[in-house]
Amino acid sequence: MTVRRRPPLHSRLFAEPDKPTDVFTAEVDGASRGNPGPASYAVIIHRPDGSVVYQLGKYLGRATNNVAEYFALITALDYCATSNISRLRVRSDSELLVRQMQGRYKVKSESLKPLHERAIRQSKGLAYFAIEHIPRELNSEADALANVALDRTGEVSSGARVVTSAPASSPSAPMRQIVRARYKNGALHLESPLAIAEGSEVEIEIRTRK
């Protein structure tokens, strides 16, 4: 009689569910020169067959590298939500981002907590979500795209129309962000994630663009 032994608990705790076959893959990266300093992020999303369906490199403003990493992840999740993509695997060279999303690391930074909460909430809305840490050399395309956006200091390298300012440097100071949105079906649809806490009250000033 052969007895099959179950793997130890710690090896099952973060076990990934069986991978479906129709999974999109997002490569995300954030960059900051000065940390905090001028920052940018990049997202490249591949279809299950490997072809690129979406890519974005965007200048963020003054922020830390970790904030930029979260903006990249949230942008990927936003794209999935608006494109009816329900299965996503994220690859990032940020160990902090990956381990916090996996629940292995605590989120101690006040500037990261609202971003982490939003990313967790969005990821739970997917039928399948996985995130993995990869070496920087395997994330070279997203890294290059983020640096191109950073060099252009404000231009969006993919041509996508998204503009946003950095969060206020002091957590207690009023936050001012500028984002673009489209008015459709009676609602404003933001084209860039907001680094604000859940339940925050905001004041909106509308300016139409030609």
N, C-alpha and C. Protein backbone atom coordinates (compact mmCIF):
# COMPACT_ATOMS: atom_id res chain seq x y z
N MET A 1 0.85 -1.20 0.00
CA MET A 1 0.00 0.00 0.00
C MET A 1 0.88 1.24 0.00
N THR A 2 0.62 2.13 -0.95
CA THR A 2 1.41 3.37 -1.05
C THR A 2 0.66 4.51 -0.39
N VAL A 3 1.33 5.17 0.52
CA VAL A 3 0.72 6.30 1.23
C VAL A 3 1.27 7.59 0.65
N ARG A 4 0.36 8.44 0.16
CA ARG A 4 0.77 9.73 -0.39
C ARG A 4 0.80 10.76 0.71
N ARG A 5 1.92 11.40 0.87
CA ARG A 5 2.08 12.40 1.92
C ARG A 5 1.76 13.78 1.38
N ARG A 6 0.97 14.53 2.13
CA ARG A 6 0.62 15.90 1.73
C ARG A 6 1.83 16.80 1.95
N PRO A 7 2.03 17.80 1.08
CA PRO A 7 3.14 18.74 1.29
C PRO A 7 2.91 19.52 2.57
N PRO A 8 3.99 20.00 3.19
CA PRO A 8 3.84 20.77 4.43
C PRO A 8 2.99 22.01 4.21
N LEU A 9 2.41 22.51 5.30
CA LEU A 9 1.48 23.62 5.23
C LEU A 9 2.11 24.84 4.58
N HIS A 10 3.38 25.16 4.93
CA HIS A 10 3.97 26.38 4.40
C HIS A 10 4.13 26.34 2.90
N SER A 11 4.25 25.14 2.33
CA SER A 11 4.39 25.04 0.87
C SER A 11 3.04 25.14 0.16
N ARG A 12 1.93 24.91 0.92
CA ARG A 12 0.61 25.01 0.33
C ARG A 12 -0.02 26.38 0.56
N LEU A 13 0.52 27.14 1.51
CA LEU A 13 -0.11 28.38 1.92
C LEU A 13 -0.23 29.36 0.78
N PHE A 14 0.84 29.47 -0.03
CA PHE A 14 0.83 30.41 -1.14
C PHE A 14 0.75 29.68 -2.48
N ALA A 15 0.22 28.47 -2.45
CA ALA A 15 0.11 27.70 -3.67
C ALA A 15 -0.82 28.40 -4.65
N GLU A 16 -0.45 28.43 -5.91
CA GLU A 16 -1.24 29.08 -6.94
C GLU A 16 -2.28 28.11 -7.48
N PRO A 17 -3.51 28.55 -7.71
CA PRO A 17 -4.52 27.65 -8.26
C PRO A 17 -4.13 27.19 -9.66
N ASP A 18 -4.74 26.12 -10.10
CA ASP A 18 -4.45 25.60 -11.43
C ASP A 18 -4.63 26.71 -12.46
N LYS A 19 -3.64 26.86 -13.30
CA LYS A 19 -3.67 27.94 -14.27
C LYS A 19 -4.59 27.64 -15.44
N PRO A 20 -5.56 28.52 -15.72
CA PRO A 20 -6.40 28.33 -16.90
C PRO A 20 -5.57 28.53 -18.16
N THR A 21 -6.13 28.18 -19.29
CA THR A 21 -5.39 28.29 -20.53
C THR A 21 -5.52 29.67 -21.18
N ASP A 22 -6.57 30.40 -20.85
CA ASP A 22 -6.82 31.69 -21.50
C ASP A 22 -6.44 32.85 -20.58
N VAL A 23 -5.18 32.88 -20.17
CA VAL A 23 -4.71 33.88 -19.23
C VAL A 23 -3.94 34.98 -19.96
N PHE A 24 -4.27 36.24 -19.70
CA PHE A 24 -3.49 37.37 -20.18
C PHE A 24 -2.32 37.58 -19.21
N THR A 25 -1.23 38.11 -19.72
CA THR A 25 -0.04 38.36 -18.90
C THR A 25 0.33 39.83 -18.95
N ALA A 26 0.53 40.42 -17.78
CA ALA A 26 0.94 41.82 -17.70
C ALA A 26 2.34 41.92 -17.10
N GLU A 27 3.20 42.63 -17.81
CA GLU A 27 4.53 42.96 -17.28
C GLU A 27 4.47 44.40 -16.80
N VAL A 28 4.77 44.64 -15.54
CA VAL A 28 4.65 45.98 -14.97
C VAL A 28 5.98 46.41 -14.36
N ASP A 29 6.20 47.73 -14.38
CA ASP A 29 7.44 48.24 -13.80
C ASP A 29 7.27 49.70 -13.43
N GLY A 30 7.98 50.13 -12.40
CA GLY A 30 7.99 51.52 -11.99
C GLY A 30 9.41 52.01 -11.86
N ALA A 31 9.62 53.31 -12.07
CA ALA A 31 10.96 53.89 -11.99
C ALA A 31 10.88 55.22 -11.27
N SER A 32 11.90 55.53 -10.49
CA SER A 32 11.98 56.81 -9.79
C SER A 32 13.44 57.21 -9.67
N ARG A 33 13.75 58.41 -10.09
CA ARG A 33 15.11 58.92 -10.00
C ARG A 33 15.19 59.88 -8.82
N GLY A 34 15.71 59.37 -7.71
CA GLY A 34 15.80 60.15 -6.49
C GLY A 34 15.08 59.47 -5.35
N ASN A 35 14.01 58.78 -5.66
CA ASN A 35 13.25 57.93 -4.72
C ASN A 35 13.04 58.55 -3.34
N PRO A 36 12.18 59.59 -3.18
CA PRO A 36 11.28 60.07 -4.23
C PRO A 36 11.95 61.04 -5.18
N GLY A 37 11.41 61.11 -6.35
CA GLY A 37 11.90 61.99 -7.39
C GLY A 37 11.04 61.82 -8.61
N PRO A 38 11.47 62.32 -9.76
CA PRO A 38 10.72 62.11 -10.99
C PRO A 38 10.47 60.62 -11.21
N ALA A 39 9.23 60.26 -11.45
CA ALA A 39 8.87 58.84 -11.52
C ALA A 39 7.99 58.55 -12.73
N SER A 40 7.98 57.30 -13.12
CA SER A 40 7.15 56.85 -14.24
C SER A 40 6.82 55.38 -14.03
N TYR A 41 5.91 54.88 -14.85
CA TYR A 41 5.60 53.46 -14.79
C TYR A 41 5.25 52.95 -16.16
N ALA A 42 5.26 51.64 -16.31
CA ALA A 42 4.99 51.04 -17.61
C ALA A 42 4.19 49.75 -17.44
N VAL A 43 3.36 49.47 -18.43
CA VAL A 43 2.53 48.27 -18.44
C VAL A 43 2.55 47.70 -19.85
N ILE A 44 2.79 46.41 -19.96
CA ILE A 44 2.68 45.71 -21.24
C ILE A 44 1.81 44.49 -20.99
N ILE A 45 0.70 44.39 -21.71
CA ILE A 45 -0.22 43.27 -21.52
C ILE A 45 -0.23 42.41 -22.78
N HIS A 46 -0.04 41.12 -22.58
CA HIS A 46 -0.02 40.16 -23.68
C HIS A 46 -1.28 39.30 -23.67
N ARG A 47 -1.79 39.01 -24.85
CA ARG A 47 -2.88 38.06 -24.98
C ARG A 47 -2.37 36.66 -24.64
N PRO A 48 -3.27 35.69 -24.47
CA PRO A 48 -2.82 34.32 -24.19
C PRO A 48 -1.89 33.76 -25.26
N ASP A 49 -2.00 34.24 -26.51
CA ASP A 49 -1.12 33.75 -27.57
C ASP A 49 0.22 34.47 -27.60
N GLY A 50 0.43 35.43 -26.68
CA GLY A 50 1.71 36.13 -26.58
C GLY A 50 1.75 37.47 -27.28
N SER A 51 0.79 37.78 -28.12
CA SER A 51 0.78 39.06 -28.81
C SER A 51 0.41 40.19 -27.85
N VAL A 52 0.91 41.39 -28.12
CA VAL A 52 0.68 42.54 -27.25
C VAL A 52 -0.68 43.15 -27.56
N VAL A 53 -1.51 43.30 -26.53
CA VAL A 53 -2.82 43.92 -26.71
C VAL A 53 -2.82 45.36 -26.18
N TYR A 54 -1.88 45.68 -25.28
CA TYR A 54 -1.88 47.02 -24.67
C TYR A 54 -0.50 47.29 -24.12
N GLN A 55 -0.03 48.52 -24.30
CA GLN A 55 1.20 48.93 -23.64
C GLN A 55 1.15 50.43 -23.35
N LEU A 56 1.73 50.79 -22.23
CA LEU A 56 1.69 52.18 -21.79
C LEU A 56 2.95 52.49 -20.99
N GLY A 57 3.56 53.61 -21.28
CA GLY A 57 4.65 54.14 -20.47
C GLY A 57 4.29 55.57 -20.13
N LYS A 58 4.17 55.89 -18.84
CA LYS A 58 3.65 57.20 -18.46
C LYS A 58 4.46 57.85 -17.36
N TYR A 59 4.71 59.14 -17.54
CA TYR A 59 5.38 59.93 -16.52
C TYR A 59 4.38 60.23 -15.41
N LEU A 60 4.80 60.03 -14.16
CA LEU A 60 3.90 60.15 -13.02
C LEU A 60 4.07 61.45 -12.27
N GLY A 61 5.27 61.98 -12.24
CA GLY A 61 5.55 63.15 -11.41
C GLY A 61 6.52 62.75 -10.31
N ARG A 62 6.49 63.47 -9.20
CA ARG A 62 7.37 63.14 -8.08
C ARG A 62 6.73 62.04 -7.23
N ALA A 63 7.41 60.94 -7.11
CA ALA A 63 6.90 59.80 -6.34
C ALA A 63 8.04 58.84 -6.04
N THR A 64 7.78 57.89 -5.18
CA THR A 64 8.76 56.84 -4.89
C THR A 64 8.64 55.73 -5.92
N ASN A 65 9.64 54.90 -5.97
CA ASN A 65 9.62 53.77 -6.89
C ASN A 65 8.47 52.82 -6.56
N ASN A 66 8.21 52.62 -5.26
CA ASN A 66 7.15 51.69 -4.87
C ASN A 66 5.77 52.21 -5.27
N VAL A 67 5.56 53.52 -5.15
CA VAL A 67 4.29 54.10 -5.60
C VAL A 67 4.14 53.89 -7.11
N ALA A 68 5.21 54.11 -7.85
CA ALA A 68 5.16 53.92 -9.30
C ALA A 68 4.85 52.46 -9.65
N GLU A 69 5.40 51.52 -8.90
CA GLU A 69 5.13 50.10 -9.14
C GLU A 69 3.64 49.80 -8.96
N TYR A 70 3.05 50.37 -7.91
CA TYR A 70 1.62 50.14 -7.66
C TYR A 70 0.76 50.79 -8.75
N PHE A 71 1.16 51.97 -9.22
CA PHE A 71 0.40 52.61 -10.30
C PHE A 71 0.41 51.72 -11.54
N ALA A 72 1.54 51.08 -11.81
CA ALA A 72 1.62 50.18 -12.96
C ALA A 72 0.66 49.00 -12.79
N LEU A 73 0.65 48.40 -11.60
CA LEU A 73 -0.24 47.27 -11.34
C LEU A 73 -1.71 47.68 -11.46
N ILE A 74 -2.07 48.81 -10.87
CA ILE A 74 -3.46 49.27 -10.90
C ILE A 74 -3.89 49.60 -12.33
N THR A 75 -2.99 50.16 -13.11
CA THR A 75 -3.30 50.44 -14.50
C THR A 75 -3.61 49.16 -15.27
N ALA A 76 -2.83 48.11 -15.01
CA ALA A 76 -3.08 46.82 -15.65
C ALA A 76 -4.44 46.27 -15.23
N LEU A 77 -4.76 46.38 -13.94
CA LEU A 77 -6.05 45.90 -13.45
C LEU A 77 -7.21 46.74 -14.00
N ASP A 78 -6.99 48.05 -14.11
CA ASP A 78 -8.01 48.92 -14.70
C ASP A 78 -8.29 48.52 -16.14
N TYR A 79 -7.23 48.24 -16.88
CA TYR A 79 -7.41 47.85 -18.28
C TYR A 79 -8.23 46.56 -18.38
N CYS A 80 -7.94 45.62 -17.52
CA CYS A 80 -8.69 44.37 -17.52
C CYS A 80 -10.16 44.61 -17.23
N ALA A 81 -10.43 45.50 -16.26
CA ALA A 81 -11.80 45.77 -15.86
C ALA A 81 -12.61 46.39 -17.00
N THR A 82 -11.96 47.25 -17.79
CA THR A 82 -12.67 47.94 -18.87
C THR A 82 -12.64 47.18 -20.19
N SER A 83 -11.88 46.07 -20.21
CA SER A 83 -11.74 45.30 -21.47
C SER A 83 -12.30 43.89 -21.34
N ASN A 84 -13.05 43.64 -20.26
CA ASN A 84 -13.67 42.32 -20.04
C ASN A 84 -12.65 41.19 -20.01
N ILE A 85 -11.49 41.48 -19.42
CA ILE A 85 -10.47 40.45 -19.21
C ILE A 85 -10.61 39.96 -17.78
N SER A 86 -10.84 38.67 -17.61
CA SER A 86 -11.13 38.13 -16.28
C SER A 86 -10.02 37.25 -15.71
N ARG A 87 -8.98 37.00 -16.50
CA ARG A 87 -7.89 36.14 -16.04
C ARG A 87 -6.57 36.84 -16.34
N LEU A 88 -5.80 37.06 -15.30
CA LEU A 88 -4.57 37.85 -15.47
C LEU A 88 -3.45 37.30 -14.60
N ARG A 89 -2.28 37.21 -15.20
CA ARG A 89 -1.04 36.91 -14.48
C ARG A 89 -0.14 38.14 -14.59
N VAL A 90 0.34 38.62 -13.46
CA VAL A 90 1.20 39.80 -13.42
C VAL A 90 2.62 39.37 -13.11
N ARG A 91 3.56 39.95 -13.84
CA ARG A 91 4.99 39.69 -13.61
C ARG A 91 5.66 41.01 -13.29
N SER A 92 6.40 41.03 -12.18
CA SER A 92 7.05 42.26 -11.73
C SER A 92 8.40 41.93 -11.10
N ASP A 93 9.37 42.84 -11.27
CA ASP A 93 10.66 42.64 -10.61
C ASP A 93 10.72 43.32 -9.24
N SER A 94 9.58 43.87 -8.78
CA SER A 94 9.51 44.47 -7.46
C SER A 94 9.11 43.42 -6.43
N GLU A 95 10.06 42.99 -5.62
CA GLU A 95 9.76 41.99 -4.60
C GLU A 95 8.74 42.52 -3.59
N LEU A 96 8.86 43.81 -3.24
CA LEU A 96 7.94 44.40 -2.28
C LEU A 96 6.50 44.34 -2.80
N LEU A 97 6.29 44.78 -4.03
CA LEU A 97 4.95 44.77 -4.61
C LEU A 97 4.37 43.36 -4.63
N VAL A 98 5.13 42.42 -5.11
CA VAL A 98 4.65 41.05 -5.24
C VAL A 98 4.34 40.44 -3.88
N ARG A 99 5.26 40.58 -2.93
CA ARG A 99 5.05 39.96 -1.62
C ARG A 99 3.91 40.63 -0.86
N GLN A 100 3.72 41.93 -1.03
CA GLN A 100 2.59 42.59 -0.38
C GLN A 100 1.27 42.12 -0.99
N MET A 101 1.23 41.97 -2.28
CA MET A 101 0.02 41.49 -2.93
C MET A 101 -0.27 40.04 -2.55
N GLN A 102 0.76 39.27 -2.28
CA GLN A 102 0.59 37.87 -1.87
C GLN A 102 0.27 37.75 -0.38
N GLY A 103 0.40 38.85 0.35
CA GLY A 103 0.13 38.81 1.77
C GLY A 103 1.31 38.38 2.61
N ARG A 104 2.47 38.28 2.00
CA ARG A 104 3.66 37.85 2.75
C ARG A 104 4.30 39.01 3.50
N TYR A 105 4.22 40.22 2.92
CA TYR A 105 4.77 41.41 3.56
C TYR A 105 3.62 42.31 4.00
N LYS A 106 3.78 42.96 5.14
CA LYS A 106 2.81 43.94 5.59
C LYS A 106 3.02 45.25 4.85
N VAL A 107 1.95 46.01 4.70
CA VAL A 107 2.03 47.33 4.06
C VAL A 107 2.13 48.36 5.17
N LYS A 108 3.31 48.89 5.39
CA LYS A 108 3.54 49.84 6.47
C LYS A 108 3.49 51.29 6.00
N SER A 109 3.79 51.53 4.75
CA SER A 109 3.83 52.89 4.21
C SER A 109 2.42 53.44 4.03
N GLU A 110 2.18 54.62 4.59
CA GLU A 110 0.86 55.25 4.46
C GLU A 110 0.55 55.60 3.00
N SER A 111 1.57 55.91 2.23
CA SER A 111 1.34 56.26 0.83
C SER A 111 0.99 55.04 -0.01
N LEU A 112 1.35 53.86 0.45
CA LEU A 112 1.07 52.64 -0.31
C LEU A 112 -0.24 51.97 0.09
N LYS A 113 -0.72 52.24 1.30
CA LYS A 113 -1.92 51.54 1.79
C LYS A 113 -3.13 51.71 0.88
N PRO A 114 -3.49 52.94 0.46
CA PRO A 114 -4.66 53.05 -0.42
C PRO A 114 -4.44 52.39 -1.77
N LEU A 115 -3.22 52.42 -2.27
CA LEU A 115 -2.92 51.77 -3.55
C LEU A 115 -3.02 50.25 -3.40
N HIS A 116 -2.49 49.74 -2.32
CA HIS A 116 -2.55 48.29 -2.06
C HIS A 116 -4.01 47.84 -1.90
N GLU A 117 -4.79 48.61 -1.15
CA GLU A 117 -6.20 48.25 -0.94
C GLU A 117 -6.95 48.21 -2.27
N ARG A 118 -6.68 49.19 -3.11
CA ARG A 118 -7.36 49.21 -4.41
C ARG A 118 -6.93 48.04 -5.28
N ALA A 119 -5.64 47.74 -5.30
CA ALA A 119 -5.15 46.63 -6.13
C ALA A 119 -5.72 45.30 -5.64
N ILE A 120 -5.80 45.10 -4.34
CA ILE A 120 -6.36 43.87 -3.79
C ILE A 120 -7.84 43.75 -4.18
N ARG A 121 -8.57 44.85 -4.03
CA ARG A 121 -10.00 44.84 -4.35
C ARG A 121 -10.22 44.51 -5.83
N GLN A 122 -9.42 45.13 -6.69
CA GLN A 122 -9.58 44.87 -8.12
C GLN A 122 -9.19 43.45 -8.49
N SER A 123 -8.12 42.95 -7.89
CA SER A 123 -7.66 41.59 -8.21
C SER A 123 -8.69 40.54 -7.79
N LYS A 124 -9.41 40.81 -6.70
CA LYS A 124 -10.43 39.87 -6.23
C LYS A 124 -11.63 39.83 -7.16
N GLY A 125 -11.76 40.86 -8.01
CA GLY A 125 -12.86 40.88 -8.96
C GLY A 125 -12.61 40.04 -10.20
N LEU A 126 -11.39 39.53 -10.33
CA LEU A 126 -11.06 38.69 -11.48
C LEU A 126 -11.37 37.22 -11.18
N ALA A 127 -11.68 36.48 -12.22
CA ALA A 127 -11.91 35.05 -12.05
C ALA A 127 -10.62 34.33 -11.72
N TYR A 128 -9.50 34.85 -12.22
CA TYR A 128 -8.19 34.27 -11.95
C TYR A 128 -7.18 35.41 -11.87
N PHE A 129 -6.37 35.40 -10.83
CA PHE A 129 -5.31 36.39 -10.68
C PHE A 129 -4.10 35.75 -10.01
N ALA A 130 -2.95 36.01 -10.58
CA ALA A 130 -1.70 35.53 -10.00
C ALA A 130 -0.64 36.61 -10.22
N ILE A 131 0.29 36.71 -9.30
CA ILE A 131 1.38 37.68 -9.43
C ILE A 131 2.67 36.99 -9.04
N GLU A 132 3.70 37.21 -9.82
CA GLU A 132 4.96 36.54 -9.56
C GLU A 132 6.13 37.51 -9.69
N HIS A 133 7.17 37.24 -8.90
CA HIS A 133 8.38 38.05 -8.94
C HIS A 133 9.35 37.45 -9.94
N ILE A 134 9.91 38.31 -10.78
CA ILE A 134 10.87 37.88 -11.78
C ILE A 134 12.12 38.74 -11.68
N PRO A 135 13.27 38.24 -12.12
CA PRO A 135 14.49 39.06 -12.13
C PRO A 135 14.33 40.26 -13.06
N ARG A 136 15.06 41.33 -12.76
CA ARG A 136 14.96 42.55 -13.55
C ARG A 136 15.26 42.31 -15.03
N GLU A 137 16.22 41.42 -15.30
CA GLU A 137 16.59 41.19 -16.70
C GLU A 137 15.46 40.54 -17.50
N LEU A 138 14.51 39.92 -16.82
CA LEU A 138 13.37 39.33 -17.52
C LEU A 138 12.21 40.31 -17.65
N ASN A 139 12.41 41.51 -17.13
CA ASN A 139 11.38 42.55 -17.22
C ASN A 139 11.92 43.75 -17.98
N SER A 140 12.82 43.50 -18.90
CA SER A 140 13.55 44.57 -19.57
C SER A 140 12.66 45.44 -20.46
N GLU A 141 11.63 44.86 -21.07
CA GLU A 141 10.78 45.65 -21.97
C GLU A 141 9.97 46.68 -21.20
N ALA A 142 9.38 46.27 -20.08
CA ALA A 142 8.63 47.22 -19.27
C ALA A 142 9.56 48.25 -18.64
N ASP A 143 10.74 47.82 -18.24
CA ASP A 143 11.72 48.74 -17.66
C ASP A 143 12.12 49.80 -18.67
N ALA A 144 12.37 49.39 -19.90
CA ALA A 144 12.76 50.33 -20.95
C ALA A 144 11.63 51.31 -21.24
N LEU A 145 10.39 50.82 -21.28
CA LEU A 145 9.25 51.67 -21.57
C LEU A 145 9.06 52.72 -20.47
N ALA A 146 9.26 52.32 -19.22
CA ALA A 146 9.14 53.26 -18.10
C ALA A 146 10.21 54.34 -18.18
N ASN A 147 11.41 53.94 -18.55
CA ASN A 147 12.50 54.91 -18.63
C ASN A 147 12.35 55.86 -19.81
N VAL A 148 11.77 55.40 -20.90
CA VAL A 148 11.49 56.29 -22.03
C VAL A 148 10.50 57.36 -21.58
N ALA A 149 9.45 56.93 -20.87
CA ALA A 149 8.45 57.89 -20.38
C ALA A 149 9.08 58.87 -19.39
N LEU A 150 10.00 58.38 -18.58
CA LEU A 150 10.67 59.25 -17.61
C LEU A 150 11.57 60.25 -18.30
N ASP A 151 12.25 59.83 -19.34
CA ASP A 151 13.11 60.74 -20.09
C ASP A 151 12.31 61.84 -20.79
N ARG A 152 11.09 61.51 -21.18
CA ARG A 152 10.25 62.49 -21.87
C ARG A 152 9.51 63.40 -20.90
N THR A 153 9.62 63.10 -19.61
CA THR A 153 9.06 63.94 -18.52
C THR A 153 7.67 64.47 -18.82
N GLY A 154 6.76 63.52 -18.95
CA GLY A 154 5.37 63.92 -19.07
C GLY A 154 4.67 63.39 -20.29
N GLU A 155 5.42 62.98 -21.31
CA GLU A 155 4.77 62.44 -22.48
C GLU A 155 4.42 60.98 -22.26
N VAL A 156 3.36 60.54 -22.86
CA VAL A 156 2.96 59.14 -22.78
C VAL A 156 3.51 58.44 -24.00
N SER A 157 4.42 57.49 -23.79
CA SER A 157 5.14 56.92 -24.91
C SER A 157 4.27 56.07 -25.82
N SER A 158 3.14 55.56 -25.32
CA SER A 158 2.27 54.74 -26.16
C SER A 158 1.29 55.58 -26.95
N GLY A 159 1.19 56.86 -26.63
CA GLY A 159 0.22 57.71 -27.28
C GLY A 159 -1.10 57.77 -26.54
N ALA A 160 -1.26 57.00 -25.50
CA ALA A 160 -2.49 57.05 -24.70
C ALA A 160 -2.60 58.40 -24.03
N ARG A 161 -3.82 58.91 -23.90
CA ARG A 161 -4.01 60.26 -23.38
C ARG A 161 -4.28 60.20 -21.89
N VAL A 162 -3.21 60.21 -21.11
CA VAL A 162 -3.34 60.18 -19.65
C VAL A 162 -2.36 61.17 -19.05
N VAL A 163 -2.85 62.04 -18.21
CA VAL A 163 -1.99 63.00 -17.53
C VAL A 163 -2.36 63.00 -16.06
N THR A 164 -1.38 62.92 -15.19
CA THR A 164 -1.66 62.97 -13.76
C THR A 164 -0.51 63.62 -13.04
N SER A 165 -0.77 64.28 -11.94
CA SER A 165 0.29 64.86 -11.14
C SER A 165 0.61 63.94 -9.99
N ALA A 166 1.71 64.19 -9.29
CA ALA A 166 2.09 63.36 -8.17
C ALA A 166 1.25 63.69 -6.95
N PRO A 167 1.10 62.71 -6.03
CA PRO A 167 0.41 63.00 -4.78
C PRO A 167 1.18 64.02 -3.97
N ALA A 168 0.51 64.68 -3.05
CA ALA A 168 1.18 65.64 -2.17
C ALA A 168 2.22 64.93 -1.35
N SER A 169 3.33 65.60 -1.08
CA SER A 169 4.42 64.98 -0.36
C SER A 169 4.10 64.71 1.09
N SER A 170 3.23 65.50 1.70
CA SER A 170 2.85 65.31 3.08
C SER A 170 1.52 64.60 3.15
N PRO A 171 1.42 63.48 3.94
CA PRO A 171 0.16 62.75 4.01
C PRO A 171 -0.99 63.59 4.53
N SER A 172 -0.70 64.62 5.34
CA SER A 172 -1.76 65.42 5.92
C SER A 172 -2.16 66.60 5.04
N ALA A 173 -1.37 66.89 4.02
CA ALA A 173 -1.66 68.02 3.14
C ALA A 173 -2.74 67.64 2.14
N PRO A 174 -3.55 68.63 1.68
CA PRO A 174 -4.56 68.33 0.66
C PRO A 174 -3.90 67.77 -0.59
N MET A 175 -4.47 66.75 -1.16
CA MET A 175 -3.92 66.12 -2.35
C MET A 175 -4.53 66.73 -3.60
N ARG A 176 -3.70 67.05 -4.57
CA ARG A 176 -4.19 67.57 -5.85
C ARG A 176 -3.65 66.71 -6.96
N GLN A 177 -4.53 66.11 -7.69
CA GLN A 177 -4.15 65.30 -8.84
C GLN A 177 -4.93 65.78 -10.06
N ILE A 178 -4.29 65.68 -11.20
CA ILE A 178 -4.95 66.01 -12.46
C ILE A 178 -5.00 64.74 -13.28
N VAL A 179 -6.20 64.30 -13.60
CA VAL A 179 -6.36 63.08 -14.39
C VAL A 179 -7.32 63.36 -15.55
N ARG A 180 -7.23 62.57 -16.56
CA ARG A 180 -8.17 62.66 -17.68
C ARG A 180 -9.24 61.60 -17.53
N ALA A 181 -10.41 61.92 -18.01
CA ALA A 181 -11.53 60.99 -17.95
C ALA A 181 -12.40 61.19 -19.17
N ARG A 182 -13.16 60.18 -19.49
CA ARG A 182 -14.12 60.26 -20.59
C ARG A 182 -15.53 60.17 -20.02
N TYR A 183 -16.41 61.02 -20.51
CA TYR A 183 -17.81 61.00 -20.08
C TYR A 183 -18.58 60.08 -21.00
N LYS A 184 -19.12 58.99 -20.45
CA LYS A 184 -19.81 58.00 -21.26
C LYS A 184 -20.93 57.38 -20.45
N ASN A 185 -22.10 57.30 -21.07
CA ASN A 185 -23.27 56.68 -20.43
C ASN A 185 -23.59 57.30 -19.07
N GLY A 186 -23.43 58.63 -18.99
CA GLY A 186 -23.80 59.33 -17.77
C GLY A 186 -22.80 59.25 -16.65
N ALA A 187 -21.58 58.78 -16.93
CA ALA A 187 -20.58 58.64 -15.87
C ALA A 187 -19.20 59.02 -16.39
N LEU A 188 -18.34 59.47 -15.48
CA LEU A 188 -16.96 59.76 -15.82
C LEU A 188 -16.12 58.51 -15.63
N HIS A 189 -15.35 58.14 -16.64
CA HIS A 189 -14.50 56.96 -16.57
C HIS A 189 -13.04 57.43 -16.57
N LEU A 190 -12.36 57.28 -15.43
CA LEU A 190 -10.99 57.75 -15.30
C LEU A 190 -10.06 56.92 -16.16
N GLU A 191 -9.05 57.59 -16.71
CA GLU A 191 -8.06 56.91 -17.54
C GLU A 191 -6.75 56.72 -16.80
N SER A 192 -6.72 57.00 -15.50
CA SER A 192 -5.52 56.82 -14.70
C SER A 192 -5.93 56.56 -13.26
N PRO A 193 -5.24 55.69 -12.54
CA PRO A 193 -5.64 55.40 -11.16
C PRO A 193 -5.38 56.57 -10.22
N LEU A 194 -6.14 56.63 -9.13
CA LEU A 194 -5.99 57.68 -8.12
C LEU A 194 -5.38 57.10 -6.87
N ALA A 195 -4.40 57.80 -6.31
CA ALA A 195 -3.75 57.35 -5.07
C ALA A 195 -4.46 57.96 -3.88
N ILE A 196 -5.70 57.55 -3.64
CA ILE A 196 -6.47 58.06 -2.51
C ILE A 196 -7.08 56.90 -1.76
N ALA A 197 -7.37 57.13 -0.48
CA ALA A 197 -7.93 56.09 0.35
C ALA A 197 -9.39 55.84 0.01
N GLU A 198 -9.83 54.60 0.23
CA GLU A 198 -11.22 54.24 0.01
C GLU A 198 -12.13 55.09 0.90
N GLY A 199 -13.18 55.64 0.33
CA GLY A 199 -14.12 56.45 1.09
C GLY A 199 -13.76 57.92 1.18
N SER A 200 -12.65 58.33 0.55
CA SER A 200 -12.24 59.73 0.61
C SER A 200 -13.22 60.61 -0.16
N GLU A 201 -13.45 61.83 0.35
CA GLU A 201 -14.26 62.80 -0.37
C GLU A 201 -13.34 63.62 -1.27
N VAL A 202 -13.79 63.88 -2.50
CA VAL A 202 -12.99 64.63 -3.46
C VAL A 202 -13.81 65.75 -4.04
N GLU A 203 -13.12 66.77 -4.54
CA GLU A 203 -13.76 67.88 -5.23
C GLU A 203 -13.34 67.82 -6.68
N ILE A 204 -14.30 67.87 -7.57
CA ILE A 204 -14.03 67.69 -9.00
C ILE A 204 -14.30 68.99 -9.75
N GLU A 205 -13.34 69.41 -10.55
CA GLU A 205 -13.50 70.55 -11.44
C GLU A 205 -13.44 70.04 -12.86
N ILE A 206 -14.47 70.31 -13.63
CA ILE A 206 -14.57 69.78 -14.98
C ILE A 206 -14.06 70.80 -16.00
N ARG A 207 -13.14 70.35 -16.85
CA ARG A 207 -12.69 71.16 -17.97
C ARG A 207 -12.73 70.28 -19.22
N THR A 208 -13.50 70.67 -20.20
CA THR A 208 -13.59 69.88 -21.42
C THR A 208 -12.39 70.20 -22.31
N ARG A 209 -11.99 69.21 -23.12
CA ARG A 209 -10.87 69.36 -24.03
C ARG A 209 -11.35 69.15 -25.45
N LYS A 210 -10.74 69.88 -26.38
CA LYS A 210 -11.11 69.71 -27.79
C LYS A 210 -10.43 68.48 -28.36
